Amino acid sequence: MAPTGRTALLAALGSLPVGIWDAGWTGLLAVNAPLALACACDYALAAPVRRLRLTRSGDTAVRLGETADVTLTITNPTGRPLRARLRDAWPPSSWQPGTEIEASRHRVTVPSGERRRVTTRLSPTRRGDRHADRVTLRSYGPLGLFARQGTHRVPWTVRVLPPFTSRKHLPSKLARLRELDGRTSVLTRGEGTEFDSLREYVPGDDTRSIDWRATARQSTVAVRTWRPERDRHILLVLDTGRTSAGRVGDAPRLDAALDAALLLAALASRAGDRIDLLAYDRRVRALVQGRTARDVLPSLVDAMAGLEPELVETDARGLTATALRTAPRRSLIVLLTTLDAAPVEEGLLPVLPQLTRRHTVVVASVADPHVARMSTSRGNADAVYEAAAAAQAQAERHRTAQQLRRHGVTVVDATPDELPPALADTYLELKAAGRL
């Protein structure tokens, strides 16, 4: 019944008791019987909620910052049409703030024996798995006076993956890799340790590259050309201890480290190298090993989706021992951790020689851009104090980085936006220098 008709009916039914109040309760109930009967009929004509059948379909994975659509199919096997309001409940972090009510609530009408679909659009604000909660339906009768209410559990999981915003840098890094690998026409070939081909000597070539045996077999001087080695092993080590929980901008440091690791993995897999991942604080949080070049990036993204910073001090000895077991042969170990003085001096430095003795080690750290802005503050006493505090923090990071470099470690210290391309450039420089 239309709202105007419902209003008129209620007005008509409700006006019957007027003027006979003194007749007593018996008379009142007797005259109100039409209203009670209308309510009872409305309740009886509402479709029963528990007999409905609900199923889900739709997206099972989404990158952070994008949207996922999950479709709920409602089948009405009863003999009464369903007129309902529906709430599809998910964890609060499944939506942007302020959008939950609009996104999770639906009106639905399902005739008897038919089915209808409603779509809930999720816009998650955090990585990890989001599990669907209960579906609550409130089924109304034709007058809308009474309703039946019930819940159904319809399981579904959407995995929220890292956003990988640094993939915009991948084309330029791949172009550098092609130049380094000699697949494009460049003035200077990249040097490496893996033989590529022979070509005719050109004035200016390094005489140490002359292949005398090949020269003796032909009438021109032949030189060897080289390319960076392939099938090298790279171990990405993520420190998930308490220092990774520090927020830089709107996200934890760990998120920036994940983004940098993904760009490096994408680049290294295109270069023909093998990539493994280890996430550790006091125990192994994630381990990805032995994936092919085709599968390594999806495997890394899936493993990183559920990683969260742990509010514990990282066990540097345990991390080092696990890394050595994971990389038994010479490898490039990229440790994404902090450059704070205390954790490095007390934890990492004492065990660092165990890594550098066998492997090439790169330490990558996320710098806070707010500290850099503070260091340039001027104008009043508070700004000067902020600048002094920022300068002291930067000096401590510089000293810590110098300590690591004295142990033969390559240090990359950059802000969240600059860290991924800076780490990729470091990898290319090591590859060009034949240090992998």
Protein backbone atom coordinates (compact mmCIF):
# COMPACT_ATOMS: atom_id res chain seq x y z
CA MET A 1 0.00 0.00 0.00
CA ALA A 2 1.26 3.49 -0.83
CA PRO A 3 2.32 5.70 2.09
CA THR A 4 -0.72 7.98 1.58
CA GLY A 5 -3.05 4.99 1.73
CA ARG A 6 -1.29 3.59 4.78
CA THR A 7 -1.55 6.96 6.53
CA ALA A 8 -5.25 7.20 5.71
CA LEU A 9 -5.87 3.67 6.99
CA LEU A 10 -4.10 4.35 10.25
CA ALA A 11 -5.98 7.60 10.69
CA ALA A 12 -9.26 5.81 10.09
CA LEU A 13 -8.47 2.96 12.43
CA GLY A 14 -7.05 5.23 15.08
CA SER A 15 -10.09 7.53 15.05
CA LEU A 16 -12.55 4.84 16.08
CA PRO A 17 -11.92 5.07 19.85
CA VAL A 18 -12.48 8.85 19.91
CA GLY A 19 -15.48 9.89 22.03
CA ILE A 20 -16.00 6.55 23.78
CA TRP A 21 -13.06 6.63 26.22
CA ASP A 22 -15.51 6.55 29.14
CA ALA A 23 -16.87 3.23 27.95
CA GLY A 24 -13.94 1.54 29.74
CA TRP A 25 -11.06 -0.67 28.63
CA THR A 26 -13.34 -3.38 27.30
CA GLY A 27 -14.99 -1.00 24.93
CA LEU A 28 -11.68 0.54 23.95
CA LEU A 29 -10.15 -2.82 23.05
CA ALA A 30 -13.28 -3.83 21.23
CA VAL A 31 -13.27 -0.69 19.11
CA ASN A 32 -9.47 -0.97 18.54
CA ALA A 33 -9.85 -4.50 17.26
CA PRO A 34 -9.60 -3.38 13.59
CA LEU A 35 -6.24 -1.77 14.29
CA ALA A 36 -4.98 -4.86 16.12
CA LEU A 37 -6.27 -7.05 13.31
CA ALA A 38 -4.52 -4.88 10.69
CA CYS A 39 -1.23 -5.15 12.59
CA ALA A 40 -1.58 -8.90 12.98
CA CYS A 41 -2.36 -9.34 9.29
CA ASP A 42 0.56 -7.11 8.31
CA TYR A 43 2.91 -9.18 10.44
CA ALA A 44 1.52 -12.42 9.04
CA LEU A 45 1.94 -11.24 5.45
CA ALA A 46 5.60 -10.26 5.94
CA ALA A 47 7.95 -12.79 4.35
CA PRO A 48 9.74 -14.95 6.95
CA VAL A 49 13.42 -14.00 7.14
CA ARG A 50 14.90 -17.31 8.23
CA ARG A 51 13.64 -19.19 5.20
CA LEU A 52 15.43 -16.88 2.77
CA ARG A 53 18.56 -18.20 1.04
CA LEU A 54 21.55 -15.89 0.70
CA THR A 55 24.76 -16.41 -1.28
CA ARG A 56 27.72 -14.21 -2.17
CA SER A 57 29.88 -13.60 -5.21
CA GLY A 58 32.25 -10.92 -6.42
CA ASP A 59 35.76 -9.66 -5.73
CA THR A 60 38.07 -11.59 -3.43
CA ALA A 61 41.08 -9.25 -3.63
CA VAL A 62 41.58 -5.52 -4.04
CA ARG A 63 44.51 -3.13 -3.83
CA LEU A 64 44.46 -0.63 -0.99
CA GLY A 65 42.92 2.59 -2.27
CA GLU A 66 40.66 0.86 -4.80
CA THR A 67 37.11 -0.48 -4.44
CA ALA A 68 35.75 -4.04 -4.37
CA ASP A 69 32.20 -5.11 -5.22
CA VAL A 70 30.63 -8.02 -3.32
CA THR A 71 27.24 -9.17 -4.59
CA LEU A 72 24.63 -10.68 -2.29
CA THR A 73 21.96 -12.86 -3.94
CA ILE A 74 18.67 -13.15 -2.01
CA THR A 75 16.39 -16.04 -2.99
CA ASN A 76 12.82 -15.99 -1.70
CA PRO A 77 11.38 -19.55 -1.63
CA THR A 78 8.36 -18.54 0.47
CA GLY A 79 4.85 -17.86 -0.76
CA ARG A 80 4.98 -14.18 0.29
CA PRO A 81 6.77 -11.32 -1.41
CA LEU A 82 9.76 -9.90 0.47
CA ARG A 83 9.86 -6.18 1.18
CA ALA A 84 12.91 -5.58 3.31
CA ARG A 85 15.67 -3.37 4.48
CA LEU A 86 19.03 -5.10 4.51
CA ARG A 87 22.28 -4.36 6.31
CA ASP A 88 25.42 -6.08 5.00
CA ALA A 89 27.85 -5.77 7.92
CA TRP A 90 31.66 -5.68 7.45
CA PRO A 91 34.49 -4.46 9.72
CA PRO A 92 34.67 -0.64 10.03
CA SER A 93 37.96 -0.50 8.07
CA SER A 94 36.13 -1.85 5.02
CA TRP A 95 34.94 1.65 4.14
CA GLN A 96 36.22 5.17 4.04
CA PRO A 97 35.07 7.15 7.13
CA GLY A 98 31.50 8.37 6.81
CA THR A 99 30.48 6.07 3.94
CA GLU A 100 29.55 2.91 5.86
CA ILE A 101 25.84 3.61 6.34
CA GLU A 102 25.21 4.46 2.71
CA ALA A 103 27.30 1.55 1.38
CA SER A 104 26.07 -1.23 3.69
CA ARG A 105 22.31 -0.63 3.75
CA HIS A 106 19.96 -1.59 0.93
CA ARG A 107 16.24 -1.77 0.18
CA VAL A 108 15.20 -4.94 -1.58
CA THR A 109 11.97 -6.37 -2.97
CA VAL A 110 11.89 -10.05 -3.97
CA PRO A 111 8.66 -11.58 -5.33
CA SER A 112 7.76 -15.08 -4.20
CA GLY A 113 9.89 -17.76 -5.85
CA GLU A 114 12.34 -15.26 -7.36
CA ARG A 115 15.78 -13.87 -6.53
CA ARG A 116 17.38 -10.45 -6.50
CA ARG A 117 20.93 -9.17 -6.17
CA VAL A 118 22.32 -6.25 -4.23
CA THR A 119 25.95 -5.10 -4.41
CA THR A 120 27.97 -3.78 -1.50
CA ARG A 121 30.93 -1.65 -2.55
CA LEU A 122 33.92 -1.80 -0.19
CA SER A 123 36.64 0.85 -0.06
CA PRO A 124 39.10 -0.55 2.54
CA THR A 125 41.42 1.69 4.52
CA ARG A 126 43.87 -0.99 5.73
CA ARG A 127 45.71 -3.97 4.29
CA GLY A 128 44.80 -7.52 5.29
CA ASP A 129 41.75 -9.78 5.17
CA ARG A 130 38.28 -8.34 5.59
CA HIS A 131 35.68 -10.94 6.63
CA ALA A 132 31.98 -10.41 6.08
CA ASP A 133 29.90 -10.27 9.24
CA ARG A 134 26.14 -10.92 9.55
CA VAL A 135 23.47 -9.92 7.05
CA THR A 136 20.48 -8.48 8.88
CA LEU A 137 17.08 -8.28 7.15
CA ARG A 138 13.96 -6.53 8.35
CA SER A 139 10.97 -7.87 6.40
CA TYR A 140 7.87 -5.62 6.31
CA GLY A 141 4.26 -6.44 5.65
CA PRO A 142 2.30 -4.65 2.92
CA LEU A 143 1.18 -1.91 5.35
CA GLY A 144 4.60 -1.43 6.92
CA LEU A 145 3.09 -1.59 10.43
CA PHE A 146 5.05 -4.59 11.69
CA ALA A 147 8.24 -6.34 10.58
CA ARG A 148 10.07 -9.59 11.05
CA GLN A 149 13.81 -9.36 11.64
CA GLY A 150 16.56 -11.97 11.44
CA THR A 151 20.18 -12.48 10.53
CA HIS A 152 22.11 -14.76 8.21
CA ARG A 153 25.81 -15.54 8.20
CA VAL A 154 27.08 -15.52 4.62
CA PRO A 155 30.89 -15.95 4.77
CA TRP A 156 33.11 -14.04 2.36
CA THR A 157 36.66 -12.71 2.54
CA VAL A 158 38.25 -9.85 0.62
CA ARG A 159 42.02 -9.62 0.82
CA VAL A 160 43.30 -6.04 0.73
CA LEU A 161 46.69 -6.00 -1.01
CA PRO A 162 49.46 -3.39 -0.82
CA PRO A 163 48.76 -0.52 -3.24
CA PHE A 164 52.15 -0.75 -5.03
CA THR A 165 52.09 2.94 -5.90
CA SER A 166 55.76 2.84 -6.89
CA ARG A 167 54.98 0.77 -10.00
CA LYS A 168 54.85 4.10 -11.87
CA HIS A 169 58.67 4.09 -11.66
CA LEU A 170 59.00 0.62 -13.23
CA PRO A 171 59.09 1.67 -16.93
CA SER A 172 62.01 4.07 -16.41
CA LYS A 173 63.94 1.52 -14.32
CA LEU A 174 63.36 -1.17 -16.95
CA ALA A 175 64.71 1.20 -19.59
CA ARG A 176 67.88 1.61 -17.54
CA LEU A 177 68.06 -2.15 -17.13
CA ARG A 178 67.83 -2.65 -20.92
CA GLU A 179 70.64 -0.17 -21.44
CA LEU A 180 72.68 -1.93 -18.81
CA ASP A 181 71.96 -5.28 -20.40
CA GLY A 182 72.94 -4.04 -23.87
CA ARG A 183 69.56 -4.63 -25.45
CA THR A 184 69.29 -1.02 -26.66
CA SER A 185 71.73 1.07 -28.63
CA VAL A 186 73.84 3.05 -26.17
CA LEU A 187 77.29 4.59 -26.31
CA THR A 188 78.74 2.60 -23.44
CA ARG A 189 77.94 -1.01 -22.73
CA GLY A 190 77.23 -1.97 -19.15
CA GLU A 191 80.01 -3.92 -17.56
CA GLY A 192 79.38 -7.15 -15.76
CA THR A 193 80.93 -10.52 -15.15
CA GLU A 194 78.94 -12.68 -17.58
CA PHE A 195 80.24 -13.07 -21.16
CA ASP A 196 77.84 -11.82 -23.82
CA SER A 197 79.39 -11.74 -27.29
CA LEU A 198 82.37 -10.79 -29.48
CA ARG A 199 82.59 -7.72 -31.66
CA GLU A 200 85.18 -5.82 -33.64
CA TYR A 201 87.56 -3.60 -31.72
CA VAL A 202 86.75 0.12 -31.75
CA PRO A 203 89.33 2.73 -30.73
CA GLY A 204 88.72 3.56 -27.09
CA ASP A 205 87.76 0.03 -26.03
CA ASP A 206 89.48 -1.36 -22.96
CA THR A 207 92.42 -3.42 -24.23
CA ARG A 208 91.84 -5.87 -21.38
CA SER A 209 88.67 -6.96 -23.20
CA ILE A 210 90.57 -8.13 -26.31
CA ASP A 211 90.05 -11.82 -26.97
CA TRP A 212 93.43 -12.85 -28.40
CA ARG A 213 92.34 -16.34 -29.37
CA ALA A 214 89.43 -15.05 -31.40
CA THR A 215 91.67 -12.37 -32.89
CA ALA A 216 94.14 -15.02 -34.04
CA ARG A 217 91.37 -16.82 -35.93
CA GLN A 218 90.28 -13.77 -37.91
CA SER A 219 91.73 -10.74 -39.62
CA THR A 220 90.36 -8.13 -37.17
CA VAL A 221 90.84 -7.55 -33.48
CA ALA A 222 87.97 -9.00 -31.46
CA VAL A 223 86.89 -7.80 -28.03
CA ARG A 224 84.66 -9.49 -25.51
CA THR A 225 81.51 -7.73 -24.36
CA TRP A 226 79.90 -8.39 -21.04
CA ARG A 227 76.51 -8.18 -19.49
CA PRO A 228 75.37 -8.16 -15.90
CA GLU A 229 75.04 -11.60 -14.39
CA ARG A 230 71.65 -13.25 -14.37
CA ASP A 231 70.07 -15.73 -12.02
CA ARG A 232 71.47 -13.93 -9.00
CA HIS A 233 69.74 -14.44 -5.65
CA ILE A 234 68.12 -11.51 -3.84
CA LEU A 235 66.70 -11.83 -0.34
CA LEU A 236 64.33 -9.08 0.79
CA VAL A 237 64.28 -8.90 4.60
CA LEU A 238 61.48 -6.87 6.21
CA ASP A 239 61.94 -5.81 9.82
CA THR A 240 58.39 -5.95 11.26
CA GLY A 241 59.39 -4.96 14.80
CA ARG A 242 58.24 -1.92 16.75
CA THR A 243 60.26 0.60 14.72
CA SER A 244 58.25 -0.34 11.61
CA ALA A 245 55.08 0.84 13.38
CA GLY A 246 56.21 4.48 13.49
CA ARG A 247 53.94 6.56 11.29
CA VAL A 248 55.37 8.60 8.46
CA GLY A 249 52.58 10.75 7.12
CA ASP A 250 49.36 8.73 7.15
CA ALA A 251 50.90 5.24 7.08
CA PRO A 252 53.33 3.11 9.11
CA ARG A 253 56.94 2.87 7.97
CA LEU A 254 56.29 -0.75 7.10
CA ASP A 255 53.95 0.28 4.27
CA ALA A 256 56.67 2.36 2.61
CA ALA A 257 59.12 -0.53 3.01
CA LEU A 258 56.64 -2.89 1.32
CA ASP A 259 56.27 -0.52 -1.61
CA ALA A 260 60.04 -0.28 -2.07
CA ALA A 261 60.42 -4.06 -1.85
CA LEU A 262 57.75 -4.62 -4.51
CA LEU A 263 59.41 -2.25 -6.99
CA LEU A 264 62.78 -3.92 -6.46
CA ALA A 265 61.23 -7.37 -6.85
CA ALA A 266 59.46 -6.40 -10.07
CA LEU A 267 62.69 -4.98 -11.50
CA ALA A 268 64.92 -7.86 -10.40
CA SER A 269 62.54 -10.50 -11.74
CA ARG A 270 62.65 -8.81 -15.16
CA ALA A 271 66.45 -8.90 -14.92
CA GLY A 272 66.35 -12.68 -14.52
CA ASP A 273 67.26 -12.74 -10.83
CA ARG A 274 65.61 -14.89 -8.16
CA ILE A 275 63.82 -13.11 -5.32
CA ASP A 276 62.88 -14.43 -1.89
CA LEU A 277 61.14 -12.61 0.96
CA LEU A 278 61.60 -12.88 4.72
CA ALA A 279 59.56 -10.86 7.24
CA TYR A 280 60.85 -11.15 10.80
CA ASP A 281 60.76 -9.54 14.25
CA ARG A 282 61.05 -12.25 16.91
CA ARG A 283 59.76 -14.96 14.63
CA VAL A 284 59.10 -15.43 10.95
CA ARG A 285 55.99 -13.51 9.91
CA ALA A 286 56.19 -14.30 6.18
CA LEU A 287 58.47 -16.37 3.98
CA VAL A 288 58.35 -16.63 0.18
CA GLN A 289 60.90 -18.86 -1.51
CA GLY A 290 61.51 -20.58 -4.81
CA ARG A 291 58.95 -18.74 -6.94
CA THR A 292 59.37 -18.39 -10.68
CA ALA A 293 59.71 -14.98 -12.30
CA ARG A 294 56.08 -15.20 -13.37
CA ASP A 295 54.75 -16.04 -9.91
CA VAL A 296 57.08 -14.12 -7.62
CA LEU A 297 55.30 -10.75 -7.64
CA PRO A 298 51.77 -12.13 -6.96
CA SER A 299 53.25 -14.33 -4.21
CA LEU A 300 55.00 -11.38 -2.58
CA VAL A 301 51.91 -9.18 -2.75
CA ASP A 302 49.78 -11.94 -1.21
CA ALA A 303 52.30 -12.54 1.60
CA MET A 304 52.63 -8.82 2.34
CA ALA A 305 48.87 -8.23 2.54
CA GLY A 306 48.57 -9.56 6.09
CA LEU A 307 51.78 -8.12 7.51
CA GLU A 308 51.37 -5.71 10.41
CA PRO A 309 54.01 -4.10 12.65
CA GLU A 310 54.54 -5.95 15.91
CA LEU A 311 55.16 -3.88 19.03
CA VAL A 312 58.22 -5.89 20.07
CA GLU A 313 61.95 -5.29 19.79
CA THR A 314 63.38 -7.08 16.77
CA ASP A 315 65.71 -9.96 17.61
CA ALA A 316 68.69 -9.08 15.39
CA ARG A 317 70.50 -12.35 16.10
CA GLY A 318 67.46 -14.39 15.19
CA LEU A 319 66.90 -12.30 12.07
CA THR A 320 70.52 -12.80 10.97
CA ALA A 321 70.46 -16.54 11.61
CA THR A 322 67.19 -16.93 9.68
CA ALA A 323 68.50 -14.84 6.79
CA LEU A 324 71.65 -16.98 6.58
CA ARG A 325 69.56 -20.15 6.50
CA THR A 326 67.31 -18.68 3.81
CA ALA A 327 70.28 -17.55 1.69
CA PRO A 328 72.99 -20.23 2.08
CA ARG A 329 74.86 -19.06 -1.04
CA ARG A 330 76.21 -15.64 -1.92
CA SER A 331 73.28 -13.27 -2.37
CA LEU A 332 72.20 -9.67 -2.26
CA ILE A 333 70.45 -9.15 1.09
CA VAL A 334 68.26 -6.05 1.23
CA LEU A 335 67.33 -5.28 4.83
CA LEU A 336 64.48 -2.80 5.17
CA THR A 337 64.77 -1.54 8.72
CA THR A 338 65.36 1.59 10.79
CA LEU A 339 68.39 3.85 11.03
CA ASP A 340 67.61 4.78 14.63
CA ALA A 341 70.85 4.67 16.60
CA ALA A 342 69.83 2.37 19.47
CA PRO A 343 68.37 -0.55 17.48
CA VAL A 344 71.24 -0.48 14.99
CA GLU A 345 74.12 -0.11 17.47
CA GLU A 346 72.77 -2.56 20.04
CA GLY A 347 71.09 -5.04 17.70
CA LEU A 348 72.35 -5.01 14.12
CA LEU A 349 76.01 -3.93 14.29
CA PRO A 350 77.23 -6.80 16.52
CA VAL A 351 75.84 -9.43 14.10
CA LEU A 352 76.39 -7.56 10.84
CA PRO A 353 79.79 -9.19 10.05
CA GLN A 354 78.03 -12.55 9.77
CA LEU A 355 76.06 -11.16 6.83
CA THR A 356 78.74 -9.07 5.12
CA ARG A 357 81.27 -11.90 5.26
CA ARG A 358 79.24 -13.94 2.80
CA HIS A 359 76.75 -11.57 1.16
CA THR A 360 76.37 -8.12 -0.35
CA VAL A 361 74.20 -6.17 2.10
CA VAL A 362 71.98 -3.15 1.48
CA VAL A 363 70.19 -1.42 4.35
CA ALA A 364 67.17 0.64 3.26
CA SER A 365 65.39 2.93 5.70
CA VAL A 366 62.36 5.21 5.54
CA ALA A 367 63.13 8.82 6.46
CA ASP A 368 60.45 11.15 7.82
CA PRO A 369 59.85 14.10 5.45
CA HIS A 370 58.44 16.08 8.37
CA VAL A 371 61.89 16.11 9.97
CA ALA A 372 63.35 17.60 6.78
CA ARG A 373 60.70 20.33 6.82
CA MET A 374 61.36 21.03 10.48
CA SER A 375 65.08 21.50 9.79
CA THR A 376 64.31 24.49 7.60
CA SER A 377 61.93 26.15 10.08
CA ARG A 378 62.72 29.73 11.04
CA GLY A 379 60.88 32.86 12.15
CA ASN A 380 60.29 32.41 15.89
CA ALA A 381 61.71 30.63 18.90
CA ASP A 382 59.54 27.53 18.52
CA ALA A 383 60.58 27.15 14.88
CA VAL A 384 64.25 27.47 15.78
CA TYR A 385 63.93 24.80 18.47
CA GLU A 386 62.18 22.53 15.96
CA ALA A 387 64.98 23.10 13.45
CA ALA A 388 67.61 22.26 16.08
CA ALA A 389 65.81 19.04 17.05
CA ALA A 390 65.46 18.04 13.40
CA ALA A 391 69.14 18.76 12.71
CA GLN A 392 70.15 16.61 15.69
CA ALA A 393 67.94 13.73 14.48
CA GLN A 394 69.39 13.96 10.97
CA ALA A 395 72.94 14.00 12.34
CA GLU A 396 72.27 10.84 14.36
CA ARG A 397 70.91 9.06 11.28
CA HIS A 398 73.96 10.17 9.30
CA ARG A 399 76.33 8.81 11.97
CA THR A 400 74.45 5.52 12.04
CA ALA A 401 74.61 5.27 8.25
CA GLN A 402 78.36 5.95 8.34
CA GLN A 403 78.84 3.15 10.87
CA LEU A 404 77.06 0.74 8.55
CA ARG A 405 79.10 1.87 5.55
CA ARG A 406 82.32 1.20 7.44
CA HIS A 407 81.14 -2.42 7.66
CA GLY A 408 80.79 -2.58 3.89
CA VAL A 409 77.03 -2.00 3.82
CA THR A 410 75.33 0.11 1.16
CA VAL A 411 72.83 2.44 2.84
CA VAL A 412 69.71 3.90 1.21
CA ASP A 413 67.95 6.51 3.35
CA ALA A 414 65.03 8.30 1.71
CA THR A 415 61.47 9.51 2.27
CA PRO A 416 58.55 7.18 1.48
CA ASP A 417 58.06 8.58 -2.03
CA GLU A 418 61.78 8.56 -2.85
CA LEU A 419 62.79 5.24 -1.27
CA PRO A 420 61.46 2.84 -3.97
CA PRO A 421 63.25 4.50 -6.94
CA ALA A 422 66.38 5.09 -4.85
CA LEU A 423 66.53 1.40 -3.86
CA ALA A 424 65.97 0.35 -7.49
CA ASP A 425 68.81 2.64 -8.61
CA THR A 426 71.10 1.10 -5.99
CA TYR A 427 70.30 -2.37 -7.32
CA LEU A 428 71.12 -1.28 -10.88
CA GLU A 429 74.38 0.30 -9.77
CA LEU A 430 75.44 -2.88 -7.96
CA LYS A 431 74.51 -4.90 -11.01
CA ALA A 432 76.48 -2.61 -13.32
CA ALA A 433 79.51 -2.85 -11.04
CA GLY A 434 79.35 -6.65 -11.07
CA ARG A 435 78.85 -6.85 -7.31
CA LEU A 436 75.91 -9.24 -7.46
